[in-house]
C-alpha atoms as a PDB file:
ATOM      1  CA  UNK A   1      55.453  28.525  51.352  1.00  0.00           C
ATOM      2  CA  UNK A   2      51.898  28.431  49.976  1.00  0.00           C
ATOM      3  CA  UNK A   3      51.048  28.179  46.286  1.00  0.00           C
ATOM      4  CA  UNK A   4      50.300  31.888  45.807  1.00  0.00           C
ATOM      5  CA  UNK A   5      53.616  32.956  47.317  1.00  0.00           C
ATOM      6  CA  UNK A   6      55.439  30.454  45.106  1.00  0.00           C
ATOM      7  CA  UNK A   7      53.704  31.825  42.014  1.00  0.00           C
ATOM      8  CA  UNK A   8      54.463  35.441  42.974  1.00  0.00           C
ATOM      9  CA  UNK A   9      58.089  34.537  43.632  1.00  0.00           C
ATOM     10  CA  UNK A  10      58.389  32.886  40.206  1.00  0.00           C
ATOM     11  CA  UNK A  11      56.929  36.022  38.618  1.00  0.00           C
ATOM     12  CA  UNK A  12      59.336  38.322  40.471  1.00  0.00           C
ATOM     13  CA  UNK A  13      62.395  36.211  39.704  1.00  0.00           C
ATOM     14  CA  UNK A  14      61.328  35.886  36.057  1.00  0.00           C
ATOM     15  CA  UNK A  15      60.954  39.661  35.675  1.00  0.00           C
ATOM     16  CA  UNK A  16      64.307  40.493  37.268  1.00  0.00           C
ATOM     17  CA  UNK A  17      66.174  37.845  35.264  1.00  0.00           C
ATOM     18  CA  UNK A  18      64.434  38.997  32.078  1.00  0.00           C
ATOM     19  CA  UNK A  19      65.558  42.545  32.828  1.00  0.00           C
ATOM     20  CA  UNK A  20      69.122  41.277  33.002  1.00  0.00           C
ATOM     21  CA  UNK A  21      68.698  39.481  29.680  1.00  0.00           C
ATOM     22  CA  UNK A  22      67.412  42.672  28.063  1.00  0.00           C
ATOM     23  CA  UNK A  23      70.425  44.670  29.231  1.00  0.00           C
ATOM     24  CA  UNK A  24      72.811  41.974  28.012  1.00  0.00           C
ATOM     25  CA  UNK A  25      71.387  42.438  24.517  1.00  0.00           C
ATOM     26  CA  UNK A  26      71.458  46.225  24.818  1.00  0.00           C
ATOM     27  CA  UNK A  27      75.129  46.172  25.789  1.00  0.00           C
ATOM     28  CA  UNK A  28      76.099  44.282  22.648  1.00  0.00           C
ATOM     29  CA  UNK A  29      77.564  46.292  19.804  1.00  0.00           C
ATOM     30  CA  UNK A  30      74.676  45.248  17.539  1.00  0.00           C
ATOM     31  CA  UNK A  31      71.338  43.476  17.840  1.00  0.00           C
ATOM     32  CA  UNK A  32      68.653  42.675  15.300  1.00  0.00           C
ATOM     33  CA  UNK A  33      65.419  44.634  14.899  1.00  0.00           C
ATOM     34  CA  UNK A  34      62.614  43.095  12.849  1.00  0.00           C
ATOM     35  CA  UNK A  35      59.114  44.182  11.912  1.00  0.00           C
ATOM     36  CA  UNK A  36      56.171  41.982  12.897  1.00  0.00           C
ATOM     37  CA  UNK A  37      52.979  41.477  10.918  1.00  0.00           C
ATOM     38  CA  UNK A  38      51.308  44.350  12.784  1.00  0.00           C
ATOM     39  CA  UNK A  39      54.223  46.649  11.841  1.00  0.00           C
ATOM     40  CA  UNK A  40      55.497  46.842  15.433  1.00  0.00           C
ATOM     41  CA  UNK A  41      59.190  46.175  16.056  1.00  0.00           C
ATOM     42  CA  UNK A  42      60.692  43.183  17.837  1.00  0.00           C
ATOM     43  CA  UNK A  43      64.326  42.745  18.868  1.00  0.00           C
ATOM     44  CA  UNK A  44      66.697  40.111  20.160  1.00  0.00           C
ATOM     45  CA  UNK A  45      66.003  41.566  23.608  1.00  0.00           C
ATOM     46  CA  UNK A  46      62.276  40.764  23.353  1.00  0.00           C
ATOM     47  CA  UNK A  47      63.056  37.136  22.567  1.00  0.00           C
ATOM     48  CA  UNK A  48      65.775  36.819  25.204  1.00  0.00           C
ATOM     49  CA  UNK A  49      63.394  38.163  27.845  1.00  0.00           C
ATOM     50  CA  UNK A  50      60.615  35.822  26.668  1.00  0.00           C
ATOM     51  CA  UNK A  51      62.872  32.757  26.887  1.00  0.00           C
ATOM     52  CA  UNK A  52      63.962  33.751  30.384  1.00  0.00           C
ATOM     53  CA  UNK A  53      60.388  34.277  31.571  1.00  0.00           C
ATOM     54  CA  UNK A  54      59.295  30.946  30.100  1.00  0.00           C
ATOM     55  CA  UNK A  55      61.992  29.145  32.083  1.00  0.00           C
ATOM     56  CA  UNK A  56      60.421  30.391  35.326  1.00  0.00           C
ATOM     57  CA  UNK A  57      56.706  30.387  34.531  1.00  0.00           C
ATOM     58  CA  UNK A  58      56.839  27.055  32.746  1.00  0.00           C
ATOM     59  CA  UNK A  59      57.416  25.269  36.040  1.00  0.00           C
ATOM     60  CA  UNK A  60      54.092  26.549  37.438  1.00  0.00           C
ATOM     61  CA  UNK A  61      51.936  24.597  34.994  1.00  0.00           C
ATOM     62  CA  UNK A  62      49.874  27.740  34.342  1.00  0.00           C
ATOM     63  CA  UNK A  63      49.388  28.674  30.656  1.00  0.00           C
ATOM     64  CA  UNK A  64      50.930  31.865  29.293  1.00  0.00           C
ATOM     65  CA  UNK A  65      49.629  34.486  26.884  1.00  0.00           C
ATOM     66  CA  UNK A  66      52.532  36.574  25.637  1.00  0.00           C
ATOM     67  CA  UNK A  67      53.162  39.215  23.008  1.00  0.00           C
ATOM     68  CA  UNK A  68      56.024  37.134  21.649  1.00  0.00           C
ATOM     69  CA  UNK A  69      54.420  33.710  22.087  1.00  0.00           C
ATOM     70  CA  UNK A  70      52.107  31.578  19.958  1.00  0.00           C
ATOM     71  CA  UNK A  71      48.445  32.387  20.650  1.00  0.00           C
ATOM     72  CA  UNK A  72      46.095  29.542  21.540  1.00  0.00           C
ATOM     73  CA  UNK A  73      42.647  29.530  19.987  1.00  0.00           C
ATOM     74  CA  UNK A  74      39.895  30.958  22.185  1.00  0.00           C
ATOM     75  CA  UNK A  75      38.160  27.573  22.220  1.00  0.00           C
ATOM     76  CA  UNK A  76      41.092  26.439  24.376  1.00  0.00           C
ATOM     77  CA  UNK A  77      41.789  29.687  26.255  1.00  0.00           C
ATOM     78  CA  UNK A  78      38.206  30.163  27.451  1.00  0.00           C
ATOM     79  CA  UNK A  79      38.635  27.146  29.719  1.00  0.00           C
ATOM     80  CA  UNK A  80      41.659  28.619  31.524  1.00  0.00           C
ATOM     81  CA  UNK A  81      40.716  29.736  35.041  1.00  0.00           C
ATOM     82  CA  UNK A  82      44.309  30.932  35.544  1.00  0.00           C
ATOM     83  CA  UNK A  83      46.645  32.442  32.973  1.00  0.00           C
ATOM     84  CA  UNK A  84      49.786  34.545  32.917  1.00  0.00           C
ATOM     85  CA  UNK A  85      49.660  37.543  30.582  1.00  0.00           C
ATOM     86  CA  UNK A  86      53.155  38.708  29.667  1.00  0.00           C
ATOM     87  CA  UNK A  87      54.893  41.451  27.751  1.00  0.00           C
ATOM     88  CA  UNK A  88      58.581  40.498  27.944  1.00  0.00           C
ATOM     89  CA  UNK A  89      59.695  43.952  26.786  1.00  0.00           C
ATOM     90  CA  UNK A  90      56.993  46.575  27.071  1.00  0.00           C
ATOM     91  CA  UNK A  91      58.226  49.633  25.237  1.00  0.00           C
ATOM     92  CA  UNK A  92      60.304  48.092  22.463  1.00  0.00           C
ATOM     93  CA  UNK A  93      60.320  51.396  20.563  1.00  0.00           C
ATOM     94  CA  UNK A  94      61.643  53.167  23.664  1.00  0.00           C
ATOM     95  CA  UNK A  95      64.338  50.489  23.995  1.00  0.00           C
ATOM     96  CA  UNK A  96      65.401  50.886  20.360  1.00  0.00           C
ATOM     97  CA  UNK A  97      65.508  54.673  20.680  1.00  0.00           C
ATOM     98  CA  UNK A  98      67.742  54.528  23.743  1.00  0.00           C
ATOM     99  CA  UNK A  99      65.092  55.665  26.221  1.00  0.00           C
ATOM    100  CA  UNK A 100      65.043  54.055  29.690  1.00  0.00           C
ATOM    101  CA  UNK A 101      61.233  53.988  29.688  1.00  0.00           C
ATOM    102  CA  UNK A 102      60.652  50.292  29.072  1.00  0.00           C
ATOM    103  CA  UNK A 103      60.043  47.314  31.305  1.00  0.00           C
ATOM    104  CA  UNK A 104      58.990  43.717  31.862  1.00  0.00           C
ATOM    105  CA  UNK A 105      55.279  43.052  32.480  1.00  0.00           C
ATOM    106  CA  UNK A 106      53.970  39.857  34.079  1.00  0.00           C
ATOM    107  CA  UNK A 107      50.389  39.443  35.326  1.00  0.00           C
ATOM    108  CA  UNK A 108      48.440  36.507  36.716  1.00  0.00           C
ATOM    109  CA  UNK A 109      44.745  36.552  35.891  1.00  0.00           C
ATOM    110  CA  UNK A 110      42.070  34.419  37.513  1.00  0.00           C
ATOM    111  CA  UNK A 111      38.691  34.104  35.827  1.00  0.00           C
ATOM    112  CA  UNK A 112      39.498  37.159  33.729  1.00  0.00           C
ATOM    113  CA  UNK A 113      40.628  39.455  36.543  1.00  0.00           C
ATOM    114  CA  UNK A 114      44.292  40.453  37.063  1.00  0.00           C
ATOM    115  CA  UNK A 115      45.195  39.464  40.628  1.00  0.00           C
ATOM    116  CA  UNK A 116      49.032  39.534  40.653  1.00  0.00           C
ATOM    117  CA  UNK A 117      51.079  42.168  38.863  1.00  0.00           C
ATOM    118  CA  UNK A 118      54.857  42.448  38.524  1.00  0.00           C
ATOM    119  CA  UNK A 119      56.669  45.194  36.616  1.00  0.00           C
ATOM    120  CA  UNK A 120      60.444  45.499  36.435  1.00  0.00           C
ATOM    121  CA  UNK A 121      62.242  48.544  35.015  1.00  0.00           C
ATOM    122  CA  UNK A 122      65.810  47.395  34.241  1.00  0.00           C
ATOM    123  CA  UNK A 123      67.310  50.848  33.670  1.00  0.00           C
ATOM    124  CA  UNK A 124      65.983  52.094  37.012  1.00  0.00           C
ATOM    125  CA  UNK A 125      66.673  48.814  38.859  1.00  0.00           C
ATOM    126  CA  UNK A 126      63.091  49.202  40.085  1.00  0.00           C
ATOM    127  CA  UNK A 127      60.821  46.269  40.920  1.00  0.00           C
ATOM    128  CA  UNK A 128      57.112  46.813  41.534  1.00  0.00           C
ATOM    129  CA  UNK A 129      54.577  44.184  42.536  1.00  0.00           C
ATOM    130  CA  UNK A 130      51.147  43.948  44.076  1.00  0.00           C
ATOM    131  CA  UNK A 131      48.407  41.344  44.455  1.00  0.00           C
ATOM    132  CA  UNK A 132      44.819  41.068  45.570  1.00  0.00           C
ATOM    133  CA  UNK A 133      46.234  40.452  49.072  1.00  0.00           C
ATOM    134  CA  UNK A 134      49.470  42.501  49.018  1.00  0.00           C
ATOM    135  CA  UNK A 135      49.182  46.259  48.309  1.00  0.00           C
ATOM    136  CA  UNK A 136      51.750  47.513  45.794  1.00  0.00           C
ATOM    137  CA  UNK A 137      55.377  47.815  46.856  1.00  0.00           C
ATOM    138  CA  UNK A 138      58.628  48.956  45.248  1.00  0.00           C
ATOM    139  CA  UNK A 139      62.134  47.544  45.695  1.00  0.00           C
ATOM    140  CA  UNK A 140      65.564  48.303  44.259  1.00  0.00           C
ATOM    141  CA  UNK A 141      66.903  45.134  42.602  1.00  0.00           C
ATOM    142  CA  UNK A 142      69.867  44.746  40.263  1.00  0.00           C
ATOM    143  CA  UNK A 143      69.013  43.398  36.790  1.00  0.00           C
ATOM    144  CA  UNK A 144      69.614  39.675  36.623  1.00  0.00           C
ATOM    145  CA  UNK A 145      70.146  39.441  40.391  1.00  0.00           C
ATOM    146  CA  UNK A 146      70.231  36.033  42.087  1.00  0.00           C
ATOM    147  CA  UNK A 147      66.761  34.595  42.535  1.00  0.00           C
ATOM    148  CA  UNK A 148      64.908  35.303  45.758  1.00  0.00           C
ATOM    149  CA  UNK A 149      63.912  32.211  47.750  1.00  0.00           C
ATOM    150  CA  UNK A 150      61.090  33.975  49.597  1.00  0.00           C
ATOM    151  CA  UNK A 151      59.003  37.127  49.180  1.00  0.00           C
ATOM    152  CA  UNK A 152      60.083  38.223  52.668  1.00  0.00           C
ATOM    153  CA  UNK A 153      63.682  38.512  51.369  1.00  0.00           C
ATOM    154  CA  UNK A 154      62.694  41.429  49.146  1.00  0.00           C
ATOM    155  CA  UNK A 155      63.379  44.739  50.866  1.00  0.00           C
ATOM    156  CA  UNK A 156      60.411  46.665  49.566  1.00  0.00           C
ATOM    157  CA  UNK A 157      58.673  49.915  50.463  1.00  0.00           C
ATOM    158  CA  UNK A 158      54.906  50.337  50.548  1.00  0.00           C
ATOM    159  CA  UNK A 159      53.367  52.524  47.839  1.00  0.00           C
ATOM    160  CA  UNK A 160      52.523  55.292  47.579  1.00  0.00           C
ATOM    161  CA  UNK A 161      55.282  56.747  49.741  1.00  0.00           C
ATOM    162  CA  UNK A 162      53.223  59.847  50.534  1.00  0.00           C
ATOM    163  CA  UNK A 163      49.870  61.456  49.752  1.00  0.00           C
ATOM    164  CA  UNK A 164      49.622  63.090  46.331  1.00  0.00           C
ATOM    165  CA  UNK A 165      49.798  66.897  46.337  1.00  0.00           C
ATOM    166  CA  UNK A 166      50.502  69.603  43.771  1.00  0.00           C
ATOM    167  CA  UNK A 167      48.936  70.323  40.392  1.00  0.00           C
ATOM    168  CA  UNK A 168      46.866  67.724  38.543  1.00  0.00           C
ATOM    169  CA  UNK A 169      48.902  65.427  36.269  1.00  0.00           C
ATOM    170  CA  UNK A 170      47.360  63.236  33.584  1.00  0.00           C
ATOM    171  CA  UNK A 171      49.775  60.772  31.987  1.00  0.00           C
ATOM    172  CA  UNK A 172      49.727  60.230  28.238  1.00  0.00           C
ATOM    173  CA  UNK A 173      51.237  57.733  25.826  1.00  0.00           C
ATOM    174  CA  UNK A 174      54.339  58.963  24.012  1.00  0.00           C
ATOM    175  CA  UNK A 175      53.701  57.000  20.825  1.00  0.00           C
ATOM    176  CA  UNK A 176      49.969  56.245  20.523  1.00  0.00           C
ATOM    177  CA  UNK A 177      47.745  59.339  20.546  1.00  0.00           C
ATOM    178  CA  UNK A 178      44.345  59.363  18.823  1.00  0.00           C
ATOM    179  CA  UNK A 179      42.199  62.394  18.024  1.00  0.00           C
ATOM    180  CA  UNK A 180      39.703  61.279  20.667  1.00  0.00           C
ATOM    181  CA  UNK A 181      42.488  61.208  23.257  1.00  0.00           C
ATOM    182  CA  UNK A 182      43.765  64.633  22.222  1.00  0.00           C
ATOM    183  CA  UNK A 183      40.230  66.052  22.459  1.00  0.00           C
ATOM    184  CA  UNK A 184      39.924  64.573  25.955  1.00  0.00           C
ATOM    185  CA  UNK A 185      43.217  66.136  27.068  1.00  0.00           C
ATOM    186  CA  UNK A 186      42.155  69.513  25.684  1.00  0.00           C
ATOM    187  CA  UNK A 187      38.861  69.361  27.590  1.00  0.00           C
ATOM    188  CA  UNK A 188      40.682  68.241  30.752  1.00  0.00           C
ATOM    189  CA  UNK A 189      43.082  71.191  30.726  1.00  0.00           C
ATOM    190  CA  UNK A 190      40.171  73.557  30.154  1.00  0.00           C
ATOM    191  CA  UNK A 191      38.227  72.030  33.053  1.00  0.00           C
ATOM    192  CA  UNK A 192      41.161  71.882  35.489  1.00  0.00           C
ATOM    193  CA  UNK A 193      43.303  75.033  35.405  1.00  0.00           C
ATOM    194  CA  UNK A 194      46.998  74.201  35.649  1.00  0.00           C
ATOM    195  CA  UNK A 195      46.523  70.525  34.745  1.00  0.00           C
ATOM    196  CA  UNK A 196      49.528  68.961  33.007  1.00  0.00           C
ATOM    197  CA  UNK A 197      49.470  66.328  30.264  1.00  0.00           C
ATOM    198  CA  UNK A 198      52.693  64.376  30.786  1.00  0.00           C
ATOM    199  CA  UNK A 199      53.831  61.984  28.004  1.00  0.00           C
ATOM    200  CA  UNK A 200      55.485  58.833  29.295  1.00  0.00           C
ATOM    201  CA  UNK A 201      56.502  55.502  27.776  1.00  0.00           C
ATOM    202  CA  UNK A 202      55.215  51.983  28.342  1.00  0.00           C
ATOM    203  CA  UNK A 203      54.493  50.481  31.782  1.00  0.00           C
ATOM    204  CA  UNK A 204      56.350  53.330  33.477  1.00  0.00           C
ATOM    205  CA  UNK A 205      52.991  55.129  33.573  1.00  0.00           C
ATOM    206  CA  UNK A 206      51.463  52.520  35.893  1.00  0.00           C
ATOM    207  CA  UNK A 207      54.492  52.632  38.187  1.00  0.00           C
ATOM    208  CA  UNK A 208      54.259  56.431  38.315  1.00  0.00           C
ATOM    209  CA  UNK A 209      50.604  56.224  39.341  1.00  0.00           C
ATOM    210  CA  UNK A 210      51.386  53.578  41.967  1.00  0.00           C
ATOM    211  CA  UNK A 211      54.042  55.836  43.434  1.00  0.00           C
ATOM    212  CA  UNK A 212      51.506  58.648  43.759  1.00  0.00           C
ATOM    213  CA  UNK A 213      53.383  60.893  41.315  1.00  0.00           C
ATOM    214  CA  UNK A 214      50.440  61.407  38.945  1.00  0.00           C
ATOM    215  CA  UNK A 215      46.662  61.477  39.128  1.00  0.00           C
ATOM    216  CA  UNK A 216      45.290  59.892  35.980  1.00  0.00           C
ATOM    217  CA  UNK A 217      45.984  57.920  32.840  1.00  0.00           C
ATOM    218  CA  UNK A 218      43.304  57.841  30.148  1.00  0.00           C
ATOM    219  CA  UNK A 219      43.807  56.070  26.838  1.00  0.00           C
ATOM    220  CA  UNK A 220      41.550  55.849  23.800  1.00  0.00           C
ATOM    221  CA  UNK A 221      42.746  53.582  21.043  1.00  0.00           C
ATOM    222  CA  UNK A 222      43.835  50.020  20.444  1.00  0.00           C
ATOM    223  CA  UNK A 223      46.029  48.410  23.083  1.00  0.00           C
ATOM    224  CA  UNK A 224      46.714  44.739  23.760  1.00  0.00           C
ATOM    225  CA  UNK A 225      45.954  42.938  27.021  1.00  0.00           C
ATOM    226  CA  UNK A 226      49.664  42.309  27.713  1.00  0.00           C
ATOM    227  CA  UNK A 227      50.204  46.085  27.647  1.00  0.00           C
ATOM    228  CA  UNK A 228      47.770  46.648  30.511  1.00  0.00           C
ATOM    229  CA  UNK A 229      47.368  43.487  32.629  1.00  0.00           C
ATOM    230  CA  UNK A 230      50.399  43.828  34.945  1.00  0.00           C
ATOM    231  CA  UNK A 231      49.864  47.543  35.492  1.00  0.00           C
ATOM    232  CA  UNK A 232      46.160  46.955  36.094  1.00  0.00           C
ATOM    233  CA  UNK A 233      46.885  44.315  38.764  1.00  0.00           C
ATOM    234  CA  UNK A 234      49.471  46.592  40.400  1.00  0.00           C
ATOM    235  CA  UNK A 235      47.012  49.486  40.590  1.00  0.00           C
ATOM    236  CA  UNK A 236      44.074  47.294  41.647  1.00  0.00           C
ATOM    237  CA  UNK A 237      46.100  46.339  44.712  1.00  0.00           C
ATOM    238  CA  UNK A 238      45.837  50.050  45.625  1.00  0.00           C
ATOM    239  CA  UNK A 239      42.137  50.323  44.779  1.00  0.00           C
ATOM    240  CA  UNK A 240      42.680  51.882  41.335  1.00  0.00           C
ATOM    241  CA  UNK A 241      41.483  49.464  38.618  1.00  0.00           C
ATOM    242  CA  UNK A 242      41.638  50.339  34.944  1.00  0.00           C
ATOM    243  CA  UNK A 243      38.025  50.973  33.948  1.00  0.00           C
ATOM    244  CA  UNK A 244      36.352  50.805  30.572  1.00  0.00           C
ATOM    245  CA  UNK A 245      35.320  54.281  29.460  1.00  0.00           C
ATOM    246  CA  UNK A 246      32.231  52.801  27.787  1.00  0.00           C
ATOM    247  CA  UNK A 247      30.886  50.759  30.726  1.00  0.00           C
ATOM    248  CA  UNK A 248      32.735  52.072  33.785  1.00  0.00           C
ATOM    249  CA  UNK A 249      33.542  48.472  34.738  1.00  0.00           C
ATOM    250  CA  UNK A 250      37.060  47.133  35.470  1.00  0.00           C
ATOM    251  CA  UNK A 251      38.789  45.661  32.426  1.00  0.00           C
ATOM    252  CA  UNK A 252      38.612  41.911  31.872  1.00  0.00           C
ATOM    253  CA  UNK A 253      41.309  39.699  30.372  1.00  0.00           C
ATOM    254  CA  UNK A 254      41.784  36.551  28.291  1.00  0.00           C
ATOM    255  CA  UNK A 255      38.868  37.675  26.151  1.00  0.00           C
ATOM    256  CA  UNK A 256      38.126  36.246  22.712  1.00  0.00           C
ATOM    257  CA  UNK A 257      39.927  39.251  21.206  1.00  0.00           C
ATOM    258  CA  UNK A 258      43.032  40.071  23.245  1.00  0.00           C
ATOM    259  CA  UNK A 259      42.553  43.824  23.182  1.00  0.00           C
ATOM    260  CA  UNK A 260      41.734  46.207  26.009  1.00  0.00           C
ATOM    261  CA  UNK A 261      38.988  48.759  25.438  1.00  0.00           C
ATOM    262  CA  UNK A 262      39.408  52.512  25.867  1.00  0.00           C
ATOM    263  CA  UNK A 263      40.116  52.945  29.567  1.00  0.00           C
ATOM    264  CA  UNK A 264      40.862  55.351  32.346  1.00  0.00           C
ATOM    265  CA  UNK A 265      42.439  55.006  35.787  1.00  0.00           C
ATOM    266  CA  UNK A 266      42.368  57.759  38.383  1.00  0.00           C
ATOM    267  CA  UNK A 267      43.636  58.295  41.896  1.00  0.00           C
ATOM    268  CA  UNK A 268      40.315  58.323  43.838  1.00  0.00           C
ATOM    269  CA  UNK A 269      41.762  60.730  46.401  1.00  0.00           C
ATOM    270  CA  UNK A 270      42.434  63.275  43.656  1.00  0.00           C
ATOM    271  CA  UNK A 271      39.586  62.620  41.236  1.00  0.00           C
ATOM    272  CA  UNK A 272      37.972  65.885  40.194  1.00  0.00           C
END
């Protein structure tokens, strides 16, 4: 097994085990919910998933940037040619509210570009991954399942399963909508008769695009790198990078400020 396959396998196993840890917390009668400095919530499930992921990624020797981890100063980070960018529970608000639209995000970035992306949706038992050499795939895997010993053990289906047809669908955040975004959606529906703006939570949007079930996701407003990196890598493996609305260039990661700019991603076969 070469180094890249070993890294991808660690990412996959970490995501699936973290999904199991999240559901263990959910199935308890009670769990704690706290408010962080930025007023976003964090739960026991976030921390349980983070600890699980650390146990797998720690053995790679590659540094980790995580929503629930301590942030290194940029004077140190700027020298990292490789880095994992992790959101152990993307969609904490969805999790708290009882929605199934949350997941585990793990990306590997090299020189600022996301090259491996793994997303696991525990409620759907759905594993998605793609790399700069492996186009995105989807597999059904039980949360917390025994670790895979090789990528070839994963019974996965190539994405998208079929060509996109039907009316135009633009995905939208359920919880973060700015006036600029709303103005964009209004103009889109006026330009494309019958276009639908479909609200959806967390990383589920990237999985929906990878499956060919939607045409676009455009977001204007603050979002952190760990919210986008795994989904970006997954979609890049299909030729659909997240692009800065300002420059038109693919997003970069491990920047001095760990925020992603306003971005859009579109299915090139359906772009209008």
